[in-house]
Amino acid sequence: MVVARGELDAFAEPDLSAAFAELANELQVVVDLEAVSFLDSTALGAVVRSVREVGERGGEALVVLPATAARRIFEITTLDRVLPTSPSRAQALEAFTREG
């Protein structure tokens, strides 16, 4: 699970990418953006790239997108319609539990 907080911008992107790299062998990944107050295109690109990479290795990633500031960038770019999302971390974890 990757739990991000605060402002995610070009300066935070290396830390975000490092967090995803630590999960390189995981097939079920939750990306929790609930506590994110700002998300720029660089950080958004890292999230999209990482979700795609999980899918390419046969896994599934869920992006937690509650009604917060971070959700707006996903709506503007329509990525909320393309990427698998969940309204809460609990629901994302429950979805993976049901799948086995």
PDB file of N, CA and C in Angstrom:
ATOM      1  N   MET A   1       0.840  -1.171   0.000  1.00  0.00           N
ATOM      2  CA  MET A   1       0.000   0.000   0.000  1.00  0.00           C
ATOM      3  C   MET A   1       0.888   1.238   0.000  1.00  0.00           C
ATOM      4  N   VAL A   2       0.502   2.205  -0.812  1.00  0.00           N
ATOM      5  CA  VAL A   2       1.165   3.501  -0.829  1.00  0.00           C
ATOM      6  C   VAL A   2       0.179   4.499  -0.236  1.00  0.00           C
ATOM      7  N   VAL A   3       0.588   5.155   0.838  1.00  0.00           N
ATOM      8  CA  VAL A   3      -0.243   6.175   1.484  1.00  0.00           C
ATOM      9  C   VAL A   3       0.472   7.504   1.326  1.00  0.00           C
ATOM     10  N   ALA A   4      -0.145   8.410   0.581  1.00  0.00           N
ATOM     11  CA  ALA A   4       0.458   9.714   0.338  1.00  0.00           C
ATOM     12  C   ALA A   4      -0.252  10.777   1.167  1.00  0.00           C
ATOM     13  N   ARG A   5       0.511  11.798   1.527  1.00  0.00           N
ATOM     14  CA  ARG A   5      -0.035  12.898   2.341  1.00  0.00           C
ATOM     15  C   ARG A   5       0.506  14.232   1.837  1.00  0.00           C
ATOM     16  N   GLY A   6      -0.280  15.270   2.040  1.00  0.00           N
ATOM     17  CA  GLY A   6       0.184  16.623   1.746  1.00  0.00           C
ATOM     18  C   GLY A   6       0.180  16.937   0.266  1.00  0.00           C
ATOM     19  N   GLU A   7       1.142  17.762  -0.135  1.00  0.00           N
ATOM     20  CA  GLU A   7       1.235  18.198  -1.522  1.00  0.00           C
ATOM     21  C   GLU A   7       2.158  17.275  -2.309  1.00  0.00           C
ATOM     22  N   LEU A   8       1.641  16.736  -3.390  1.00  0.00           N
ATOM     23  CA  LEU A   8       2.438  15.879  -4.267  1.00  0.00           C
ATOM     24  C   LEU A   8       2.740  16.657  -5.536  1.00  0.00           C
ATOM     25  N   ASP A   9       3.995  17.037  -5.677  1.00  0.00           N
ATOM     26  CA  ASP A   9       4.418  17.802  -6.840  1.00  0.00           C
ATOM     27  C   ASP A   9       5.719  17.217  -7.370  1.00  0.00           C
ATOM     28  N   ALA A  10       6.377  17.951  -8.246  1.00  0.00           N
ATOM     29  CA  ALA A  10       7.619  17.454  -8.851  1.00  0.00           C
ATOM     30  C   ALA A  10       8.685  17.153  -7.803  1.00  0.00           C
ATOM     31  N   PHE A  11       8.683  17.883  -6.702  1.00  0.00           N
ATOM     32  CA  PHE A  11       9.671  17.648  -5.654  1.00  0.00           C
ATOM     33  C   PHE A  11       9.369  16.371  -4.874  1.00  0.00           C
ATOM     34  N   ALA A  12       8.107  16.019  -4.759  1.00  0.00           N
ATOM     35  CA  ALA A  12       7.709  14.820  -4.019  1.00  0.00           C
ATOM     36  C   ALA A  12       7.695  13.569  -4.900  1.00  0.00           C
ATOM     37  N   GLU A  13       7.726  13.753  -6.209  1.00  0.00           N
ATOM     38  CA  GLU A  13       7.614  12.618  -7.135  1.00  0.00           C
ATOM     39  C   GLU A  13       8.677  11.542  -6.909  1.00  0.00           C
ATOM     40  N   PRO A  14       9.951  11.874  -6.669  1.00  0.00           N
ATOM     41  CA  PRO A  14      10.935  10.808  -6.427  1.00  0.00           C
ATOM     42  C   PRO A  14      10.578   9.928  -5.221  1.00  0.00           C
ATOM     43  N   ASP A  15      10.072  10.533  -4.155  1.00  0.00           N
ATOM     44  CA  ASP A  15       9.667   9.746  -2.986  1.00  0.00           C
ATOM     45  C   ASP A  15       8.460   8.873  -3.315  1.00  0.00           C
ATOM     46  N   LEU A  16       7.530   9.431  -4.082  1.00  0.00           N
ATOM     47  CA  LEU A  16       6.346   8.669  -4.492  1.00  0.00           C
ATOM     48  C   LEU A  16       6.756   7.483  -5.363  1.00  0.00           C
ATOM     49  N   SER A  17       7.620   7.730  -6.327  1.00  0.00           N
ATOM     50  CA  SER A  17       8.093   6.640  -7.193  1.00  0.00           C
ATOM     51  C   SER A  17       8.864   5.589  -6.405  1.00  0.00           C
ATOM     52  N   ALA A  18       9.639   6.011  -5.413  1.00  0.00           N
ATOM     53  CA  ALA A  18      10.373   5.066  -4.565  1.00  0.00           C
ATOM     54  C   ALA A  18       9.401   4.190  -3.769  1.00  0.00           C
ATOM     55  N   ALA A  19       8.317   4.778  -3.309  1.00  0.00           N
ATOM     56  CA  ALA A  19       7.310   3.997  -2.566  1.00  0.00           C
ATOM     57  C   ALA A  19       6.693   2.943  -3.471  1.00  0.00           C
ATOM     58  N   PHE A  20       6.422   3.304  -4.719  1.00  0.00           N
ATOM     59  CA  PHE A  20       5.877   2.324  -5.666  1.00  0.00           C
ATOM     60  C   PHE A  20       6.909   1.247  -5.975  1.00  0.00           C
ATOM     61  N   ALA A  21       8.177   1.624  -6.094  1.00  0.00           N
ATOM     62  CA  ALA A  21       9.235   0.655  -6.404  1.00  0.00           C
ATOM     63  C   ALA A  21       9.350  -0.411  -5.320  1.00  0.00           C
ATOM     64  N   GLU A  22       9.083  -0.034  -4.070  1.00  0.00           N
ATOM     65  CA  GLU A  22       9.133  -0.999  -2.972  1.00  0.00           C
ATOM     66  C   GLU A  22       8.054  -2.072  -3.110  1.00  0.00           C
ATOM     67  N   LEU A  23       7.025  -1.789  -3.902  1.00  0.00           N
ATOM     68  CA  LEU A  23       5.917  -2.735  -4.084  1.00  0.00           C
ATOM     69  C   LEU A  23       5.978  -3.417  -5.448  1.00  0.00           C
ATOM     70  N   ALA A  24       7.147  -3.432  -6.052  1.00  0.00           N
ATOM     71  CA  ALA A  24       7.296  -3.940  -7.414  1.00  0.00           C
ATOM     72  C   ALA A  24       6.874  -5.387  -7.590  1.00  0.00           C
ATOM     73  N   ASN A  25       6.860  -6.166  -6.529  1.00  0.00           N
ATOM     74  CA  ASN A  25       6.469  -7.572  -6.646  1.00  0.00           C
ATOM     75  C   ASN A  25       5.036  -7.835  -6.188  1.00  0.00           C
ATOM     76  N   GLU A  26       4.358  -6.814  -5.731  1.00  0.00           N
ATOM     77  CA  GLU A  26       2.981  -6.976  -5.240  1.00  0.00           C
ATOM     78  C   GLU A  26       2.004  -7.017  -6.407  1.00  0.00           C
ATOM     79  N   LEU A  27       0.982  -7.849  -6.276  1.00  0.00           N
ATOM     80  CA  LEU A  27      -0.041  -7.938  -7.313  1.00  0.00           C
ATOM     81  C   LEU A  27      -1.325  -7.213  -6.935  1.00  0.00           C
ATOM     82  N   GLN A  28      -1.437  -6.814  -5.684  1.00  0.00           N
ATOM     83  CA  GLN A  28      -2.586  -6.026  -5.239  1.00  0.00           C
ATOM     84  C   GLN A  28      -2.044  -4.794  -4.511  1.00  0.00           C
ATOM     85  N   VAL A  29      -2.275  -3.645  -5.094  1.00  0.00           N
ATOM     86  CA  VAL A  29      -1.723  -2.408  -4.558  1.00  0.00           C
ATOM     87  C   VAL A  29      -2.834  -1.388  -4.355  1.00  0.00           C
ATOM     88  N   VAL A  30      -2.864  -0.806  -3.171  1.00  0.00           N
ATOM     89  CA  VAL A  30      -3.779   0.288  -2.871  1.00  0.00           C
ATOM     90  C   VAL A  30      -2.960   1.571  -2.851  1.00  0.00           C
ATOM     91  N   VAL A  31      -3.418   2.580  -3.579  1.00  0.00           N
ATOM     92  CA  VAL A  31      -2.787   3.885  -3.611  1.00  0.00           C
ATOM     93  C   VAL A  31      -3.745   4.844  -2.909  1.00  0.00           C
ATOM     94  N   ASP A  32      -3.439   5.168  -1.665  1.00  0.00           N
ATOM     95  CA  ASP A  32      -4.346   5.967  -0.845  1.00  0.00           C
ATOM     96  C   ASP A  32      -3.985   7.445  -0.946  1.00  0.00           C
ATOM     97  N   LEU A  33      -4.859   8.217  -1.589  1.00  0.00           N
ATOM     98  CA  LEU A  33      -4.646   9.647  -1.773  1.00  0.00           C
ATOM     99  C   LEU A  33      -5.572  10.482  -0.895  1.00  0.00           C
ATOM    100  N   GLU A  34      -6.153   9.862   0.110  1.00  0.00           N
ATOM    101  CA  GLU A  34      -7.127  10.555   0.954  1.00  0.00           C
ATOM    102  C   GLU A  34      -6.560  11.808   1.619  1.00  0.00           C
ATOM    103  N   ALA A  35      -5.318  11.768   2.057  1.00  0.00           N
ATOM    104  CA  ALA A  35      -4.725  12.891   2.785  1.00  0.00           C
ATOM    105  C   ALA A  35      -3.906  13.817   1.885  1.00  0.00           C
ATOM    106  N   VAL A  36      -4.103  13.722   0.576  1.00  0.00           N
ATOM    107  CA  VAL A  36      -3.381  14.568  -0.369  1.00  0.00           C
ATOM    108  C   VAL A  36      -4.158  15.861  -0.583  1.00  0.00           C
ATOM    109  N   SER A  37      -3.479  16.986  -0.368  1.00  0.00           N
ATOM    110  CA  SER A  37      -4.138  18.284  -0.525  1.00  0.00           C
ATOM    111  C   SER A  37      -3.902  18.901  -1.898  1.00  0.00           C
ATOM    112  N   PHE A  38      -2.871  18.435  -2.611  1.00  0.00           N
ATOM    113  CA  PHE A  38      -2.542  18.971  -3.931  1.00  0.00           C
ATOM    114  C   PHE A  38      -1.816  17.891  -4.706  1.00  0.00           C
ATOM    115  N   LEU A  39      -2.112  17.799  -6.000  1.00  0.00           N
ATOM    116  CA  LEU A  39      -1.485  16.793  -6.854  1.00  0.00           C
ATOM    117  C   LEU A  39      -1.190  17.451  -8.195  1.00  0.00           C
ATOM    118  N   ASP A  40       0.091  17.561  -8.574  1.00  0.00           N
ATOM    119  CA  ASP A  40       0.399  18.160  -9.873  1.00  0.00           C
ATOM    120  C   ASP A  40       0.566  17.073 -10.928  1.00  0.00           C
ATOM    121  N   SER A  41       0.814  17.500 -12.160  1.00  0.00           N
ATOM    122  CA  SER A  41       0.869  16.548 -13.272  1.00  0.00           C
ATOM    123  C   SER A  41       2.031  15.571 -13.149  1.00  0.00           C
ATOM    124  N   THR A  42       3.131  15.973 -12.543  1.00  0.00           N
ATOM    125  CA  THR A  42       4.276  15.073 -12.372  1.00  0.00           C
ATOM    126  C   THR A  42       3.919  13.929 -11.435  1.00  0.00           C
ATOM    127  N   ALA A  43       3.320  14.259 -10.308  1.00  0.00           N
ATOM    128  CA  ALA A  43       2.913  13.228  -9.350  1.00  0.00           C
ATOM    129  C   ALA A  43       1.782  12.377  -9.926  1.00  0.00           C
ATOM    130  N   LEU A  44       0.865  13.017 -10.630  1.00  0.00           N
ATOM    131  CA  LEU A  44      -0.225  12.277 -11.269  1.00  0.00           C
ATOM    132  C   LEU A  44       0.339  11.267 -12.259  1.00  0.00           C
ATOM    133  N   GLY A  45       1.335  11.682 -13.025  1.00  0.00           N
ATOM    134  CA  GLY A  45       1.982  10.773 -13.973  1.00  0.00           C
ATOM    135  C   GLY A  45       2.604   9.576 -13.276  1.00  0.00           C
ATOM    136  N   ALA A  46       3.202   9.794 -12.117  1.00  0.00           N
ATOM    137  CA  ALA A  46       3.800   8.690 -11.357  1.00  0.00           C
ATOM    138  C   ALA A  46       2.734   7.707 -10.891  1.00  0.00           C
ATOM    139  N   VAL A  47       1.596   8.225 -10.460  1.00  0.00           N
ATOM    140  CA  VAL A  47       0.496   7.351 -10.030  1.00  0.00           C
ATOM    141  C   VAL A  47      -0.015   6.534 -11.212  1.00  0.00           C
ATOM    142  N   VAL A  48      -0.280   7.203 -12.326  1.00  0.00           N
ATOM    143  CA  VAL A  48      -0.800   6.513 -13.518  1.00  0.00           C
ATOM    144  C   VAL A  48       0.192   5.456 -13.994  1.00  0.00           C
ATOM    145  N   ARG A  49       1.457   5.806 -14.072  1.00  0.00           N
ATOM    146  CA  ARG A  49       2.500   4.869 -14.510  1.00  0.00           C
ATOM    147  C   ARG A  49       2.566   3.644 -13.599  1.00  0.00           C
ATOM    148  N   SER A  50       2.506   3.878 -12.313  1.00  0.00           N
ATOM    149  CA  SER A  50       2.612   2.778 -11.356  1.00  0.00           C
ATOM    150  C   SER A  50       1.391   1.868 -11.406  1.00  0.00           C
ATOM    151  N   VAL A  51       0.206   2.449 -11.538  1.00  0.00           N
ATOM    152  CA  VAL A  51      -1.011   1.634 -11.656  1.00  0.00           C
ATOM    153  C   VAL A  51      -0.935   0.784 -12.928  1.00  0.00           C
ATOM    154  N   ARG A  52      -0.471   1.380 -14.016  1.00  0.00           N
ATOM    155  CA  ARG A  52      -0.324   0.651 -15.278  1.00  0.00           C
ATOM    156  C   ARG A  52       0.679  -0.500 -15.131  1.00  0.00           C
ATOM    157  N   GLU A  53       1.789  -0.250 -14.448  1.00  0.00           N
ATOM    158  CA  GLU A  53       2.809  -1.284 -14.268  1.00  0.00           C
ATOM    159  C   GLU A  53       2.290  -2.454 -13.451  1.00  0.00           C
ATOM    160  N   VAL A  54       1.485  -2.183 -12.447  1.00  0.00           N
ATOM    161  CA  VAL A  54       0.878  -3.268 -11.667  1.00  0.00           C
ATOM    162  C   VAL A  54       0.005  -4.120 -12.583  1.00  0.00           C
ATOM    163  N   GLY A  55      -0.797  -3.474 -13.409  1.00  0.00           N
ATOM    164  CA  GLY A  55      -1.648  -4.198 -14.351  1.00  0.00           C
ATOM    165  C   GLY A  55      -0.859  -5.005 -15.359  1.00  0.00           C
ATOM    166  N   GLU A  56       0.256  -4.455 -15.834  1.00  0.00           N
ATOM    167  CA  GLU A  56       1.091  -5.151 -16.818  1.00  0.00           C
ATOM    168  C   GLU A  56       1.709  -6.423 -16.259  1.00  0.00           C
ATOM    169  N   ARG A  57       1.903  -6.493 -14.958  1.00  0.00           N
ATOM    170  CA  ARG A  57       2.456  -7.720 -14.373  1.00  0.00           C
ATOM    171  C   ARG A  57       1.368  -8.649 -13.856  1.00  0.00           C
ATOM    172  N   GLY A  58       0.122  -8.365 -14.265  1.00  0.00           N
ATOM    173  CA  GLY A  58      -0.983  -9.263 -13.932  1.00  0.00           C
ATOM    174  C   GLY A  58      -1.674  -8.950 -12.632  1.00  0.00           C
ATOM    175  N   GLY A  59      -1.365  -7.816 -12.036  1.00  0.00           N
ATOM    176  CA  GLY A  59      -1.977  -7.442 -10.769  1.00  0.00           C
ATOM    177  C   GLY A  59      -3.072  -6.423 -10.939  1.00  0.00           C
ATOM    178  N   GLU A  60      -3.480  -5.873  -9.822  1.00  0.00           N
ATOM    179  CA  GLU A  60      -4.528  -4.852  -9.820  1.00  0.00           C
ATOM    180  C   GLU A  60      -4.183  -3.798  -8.785  1.00  0.00           C
ATOM    181  N   ALA A  61      -4.387  -2.558  -9.154  1.00  0.00           N
ATOM    182  CA  ALA A  61      -4.192  -1.443  -8.229  1.00  0.00           C
ATOM    183  C   ALA A  61      -5.503  -0.684  -8.113  1.00  0.00           C
ATOM    184  N   LEU A  62      -5.801  -0.232  -6.930  1.00  0.00           N
ATOM    185  CA  LEU A  62      -6.969   0.607  -6.684  1.00  0.00           C
ATOM    186  C   LEU A  62      -6.490   1.933  -6.110  1.00  0.00           C
ATOM    187  N   VAL A  63      -6.983   3.020  -6.670  1.00  0.00           N
ATOM    188  CA  VAL A  63      -6.641   4.356  -6.199  1.00  0.00           C
ATOM    189  C   VAL A  63      -7.768   4.843  -5.299  1.00  0.00           C
ATOM    190  N   VAL A  64      -7.443   5.140  -4.048  1.00  0.00           N
ATOM    191  CA  VAL A  64      -8.435   5.657  -3.109  1.00  0.00           C
ATOM    192  C   VAL A  64      -8.618   7.145  -3.399  1.00  0.00           C
ATOM    193  N   LEU A  65      -9.829   7.482  -3.859  1.00  0.00           N
ATOM    194  CA  LEU A  65     -10.149   8.859  -4.235  1.00  0.00           C
ATOM    195  C   LEU A  65     -11.433   9.311  -3.550  1.00  0.00           C
ATOM    196  N   PRO A  66     -11.357   9.680  -2.306  1.00  0.00           N
ATOM    197  CA  PRO A  66     -12.545  10.232  -1.651  1.00  0.00           C
ATOM    198  C   PRO A  66     -12.799  11.648  -2.174  1.00  0.00           C
ATOM    199  N   ALA A  67     -13.833  12.271  -1.717  1.00  0.00           N
ATOM    200  CA  ALA A  67     -14.175  13.630  -2.168  1.00  0.00           C
ATOM    201  C   ALA A  67     -13.229  14.639  -1.528  1.00  0.00           C
ATOM    202  N   THR A  68     -12.000  14.697  -2.024  1.00  0.00           N
ATOM    203  CA  THR A  68     -10.987  15.621  -1.515  1.00  0.00           C
ATOM    204  C   THR A  68     -10.395  16.401  -2.678  1.00  0.00           C
ATOM    205  N   ALA A  69      -9.445  17.266  -2.373  1.00  0.00           N
ATOM    206  CA  ALA A  69      -8.813  18.091  -3.401  1.00  0.00           C
ATOM    207  C   ALA A  69      -8.127  17.251  -4.480  1.00  0.00           C
ATOM    208  N   ALA A  70      -7.526  16.146  -4.112  1.00  0.00           N
ATOM    209  CA  ALA A  70      -6.818  15.306  -5.086  1.00  0.00           C
ATOM    210  C   ALA A  70      -7.772  14.733  -6.122  1.00  0.00           C
ATOM    211  N   ARG A  71      -8.995  14.501  -5.743  1.00  0.00           N
ATOM    212  CA  ARG A  71      -9.962  13.926  -6.676  1.00  0.00           C
ATOM    213  C   ARG A  71     -10.210  14.844  -7.874  1.00  0.00           C
ATOM    214  N   ARG A  72     -10.137  16.137  -7.643  1.00  0.00           N
ATOM    215  CA  ARG A  72     -10.452  17.109  -8.703  1.00  0.00           C
ATOM    216  C   ARG A  72      -9.566  16.931  -9.927  1.00  0.00           C
ATOM    217  N   ILE A  73      -8.271  16.723  -9.756  1.00  0.00           N
ATOM    218  CA  ILE A  73      -7.380  16.542 -10.900  1.00  0.00           C
ATOM    219  C   ILE A  73      -7.726  15.271 -11.670  1.00  0.00           C
ATOM    220  N   PHE A  74      -8.169  14.245 -10.961  1.00  0.00           N
ATOM    221  CA  PHE A  74      -8.592  13.019 -11.632  1.00  0.00           C
ATOM    222  C   PHE A  74      -9.861  13.264 -12.440  1.00  0.00           C
ATOM    223  N   GLU A  75     -10.765  14.079 -11.921  1.00  0.00           N
ATOM    224  CA  GLU A  75     -11.995  14.399 -12.633  1.00  0.00           C
ATOM    225  C   GLU A  75     -11.717  15.273 -13.857  1.00  0.00           C
ATOM    226  N   ILE A  76     -10.852  16.270 -13.700  1.00  0.00           N
ATOM    227  CA  ILE A  76     -10.516  17.162 -14.814  1.00  0.00           C
ATOM    228  C   ILE A  76      -9.900  16.389 -15.970  1.00  0.00           C
ATOM    229  N   THR A  77      -9.031  15.444 -15.645  1.00  0.00           N
ATOM    230  CA  THR A  77      -8.339  14.657 -16.672  1.00  0.00           C
ATOM    231  C   THR A  77      -9.128  13.409 -17.082  1.00  0.00           C
ATOM    232  N   THR A  78     -10.259  13.175 -16.468  1.00  0.00           N
ATOM    233  CA  THR A  78     -11.131  11.992 -16.640  1.00  0.00           C
ATOM    234  C   THR A  78     -10.437  10.680 -16.267  1.00  0.00           C
ATOM    235  N   LEU A  79      -9.339  10.778 -15.534  1.00  0.00           N
ATOM    236  CA  LEU A  79      -8.660   9.564 -15.082  1.00  0.00           C
ATOM    237  C   LEU A  79      -9.498   8.800 -14.062  1.00  0.00           C
ATOM    238  N   ASP A  80     -10.439   9.480 -13.411  1.00  0.00           N
ATOM    239  CA  ASP A  80     -11.326   8.780 -12.477  1.00  0.00           C
ATOM    240  C   ASP A  80     -12.224   7.798 -13.208  1.00  0.00           C
ATOM    241  N   ARG A  81     -12.354   7.948 -14.526  1.00  0.00           N
ATOM    242  CA  ARG A  81     -13.152   7.013 -15.338  1.00  0.00           C
ATOM    243  C   ARG A  81     -12.303   5.901 -15.927  1.00  0.00           C
ATOM    244  N   VAL A  82     -10.988   6.110 -15.956  1.00  0.00           N
ATOM    245  CA  VAL A  82     -10.074   5.164 -16.597  1.00  0.00           C
ATOM    246  C   VAL A  82      -9.377   4.262 -15.578  1.00  0.00           C
ATOM    247  N   LEU A  83      -8.949   4.849 -14.479  1.00  0.00           N
ATOM    248  CA  LEU A  83      -8.242   4.082 -13.460  1.00  0.00           C
ATOM    249  C   LEU A  83      -9.227   3.457 -12.477  1.00  0.00           C
ATOM    250  N   PRO A  84      -8.885   2.284 -11.965  1.00  0.00           N
ATOM    251  CA  PRO A  84      -9.752   1.678 -10.944  1.00  0.00           C
ATOM    252  C   PRO A  84      -9.644   2.454  -9.636  1.00  0.00           C
ATOM    253  N   THR A  85     -10.776   2.930  -9.140  1.00  0.00           N
ATOM    254  CA  THR A  85     -10.774   3.743  -7.931  1.00  0.00           C
ATOM    255  C   THR A  85     -11.691   3.146  -6.872  1.00  0.00           C
ATOM    256  N   SER A  86     -11.501   3.644  -5.675  1.00  0.00           N
ATOM    257  CA  SER A  86     -12.322   3.254  -4.533  1.00  0.00           C
ATOM    258  C   SER A  86     -12.544   4.509  -3.695  1.00  0.00           C
ATOM    259  N   PRO A  87     -13.719   4.662  -3.092  1.00  0.00           N
ATOM    260  CA  PRO A  87     -13.966   5.853  -2.283  1.00  0.00           C
ATOM    261  C   PRO A  87     -13.264   5.854  -0.922  1.00  0.00           C
ATOM    262  N   SER A  88     -12.766   4.696  -0.487  1.00  0.00           N
ATOM    263  CA  SER A  88     -12.088   4.640   0.808  1.00  0.00           C
ATOM    264  C   SER A  88     -11.067   3.506   0.825  1.00  0.00           C
ATOM    265  N   ARG A  89     -10.109   3.624   1.741  1.00  0.00           N
ATOM    266  CA  ARG A  89      -9.111   2.570   1.901  1.00  0.00           C
ATOM    267  C   ARG A  89      -9.778   1.267   2.347  1.00  0.00           C
ATOM    268  N   ALA A  90     -10.720   1.381   3.276  1.00  0.00           N
ATOM    269  CA  ALA A  90     -11.410   0.183   3.771  1.00  0.00           C
ATOM    270  C   ALA A  90     -12.105  -0.553   2.642  1.00  0.00           C
ATOM    271  N   GLN A  91     -12.766   0.179   1.746  1.00  0.00           N
ATOM    272  CA  GLN A  91     -13.454  -0.474   0.633  1.00  0.00           C
ATOM    273  C   GLN A  91     -12.471  -1.086  -0.354  1.00  0.00           C
ATOM    274  N   ALA A  92     -11.326  -0.444  -0.556  1.00  0.00           N
ATOM    275  CA  ALA A  92     -10.311  -1.003  -1.443  1.00  0.00           C
ATOM    276  C   ALA A  92      -9.765  -2.306  -0.879  1.00  0.00           C
ATOM    277  N   LEU A  93      -9.435  -2.299   0.394  1.00  0.00           N
ATOM    278  CA  LEU A  93      -8.926  -3.513   1.032  1.00  0.00           C
ATOM    279  C   LEU A  93      -9.968  -4.622   1.038  1.00  0.00           C
ATOM    280  N   GLU A  94     -11.215  -4.248   1.276  1.00  0.00           N
ATOM    281  CA  GLU A  94     -12.303  -5.236   1.253  1.00  0.00           C
ATOM    282  C   GLU A  94     -12.455  -5.850  -0.140  1.00  0.00           C
ATOM    283  N   ALA A  95     -12.306  -5.048  -1.183  1.00  0.00           N
ATOM    284  CA  ALA A  95     -12.414  -5.554  -2.549  1.00  0.00           C
ATOM    285  C   ALA A  95     -11.324  -6.597  -2.812  1.00  0.00           C
ATOM    286  N   PHE A  96     -10.117  -6.355  -2.340  1.00  0.00           N
ATOM    287  CA  PHE A  96      -9.042  -7.318  -2.533  1.00  0.00           C
ATOM    288  C   PHE A  96      -9.266  -8.570  -1.690  1.00  0.00           C
ATOM    289  N   THR A  97      -9.831  -8.429  -0.514  1.00  0.00           N
ATOM    290  CA  THR A  97     -10.125  -9.575   0.349  1.00  0.00           C
ATOM    291  C   THR A  97     -11.156 -10.485  -0.319  1.00  0.00           C
ATOM    292  N   ARG A  98     -12.167  -9.879  -0.917  1.00  0.00           N
ATOM    293  CA  ARG A  98     -13.213 -10.660  -1.610  1.00  0.00           C
ATOM    294  C   ARG A  98     -12.651 -11.425  -2.795  1.00  0.00           C
ATOM    295  N   GLU A  99     -11.663 -10.817  -3.487  1.00  0.00           N
ATOM    296  CA  GLU A  99     -11.092 -11.439  -4.678  1.00  0.00           C
ATOM    297  C   GLU A  99     -10.173 -12.613  -4.312  1.00  0.00           C
ATOM    298  N   GLY A 100      -9.696 -12.632  -3.083  1.00  0.00           N
ATOM    299  CA  GLY A 100      -8.854 -13.744  -2.663  1.00  0.00           C
ATOM    300  C   GLY A 100      -7.458 -13.384  -2.686  1.00  0.00           C
TER     301      GLY A 100
END
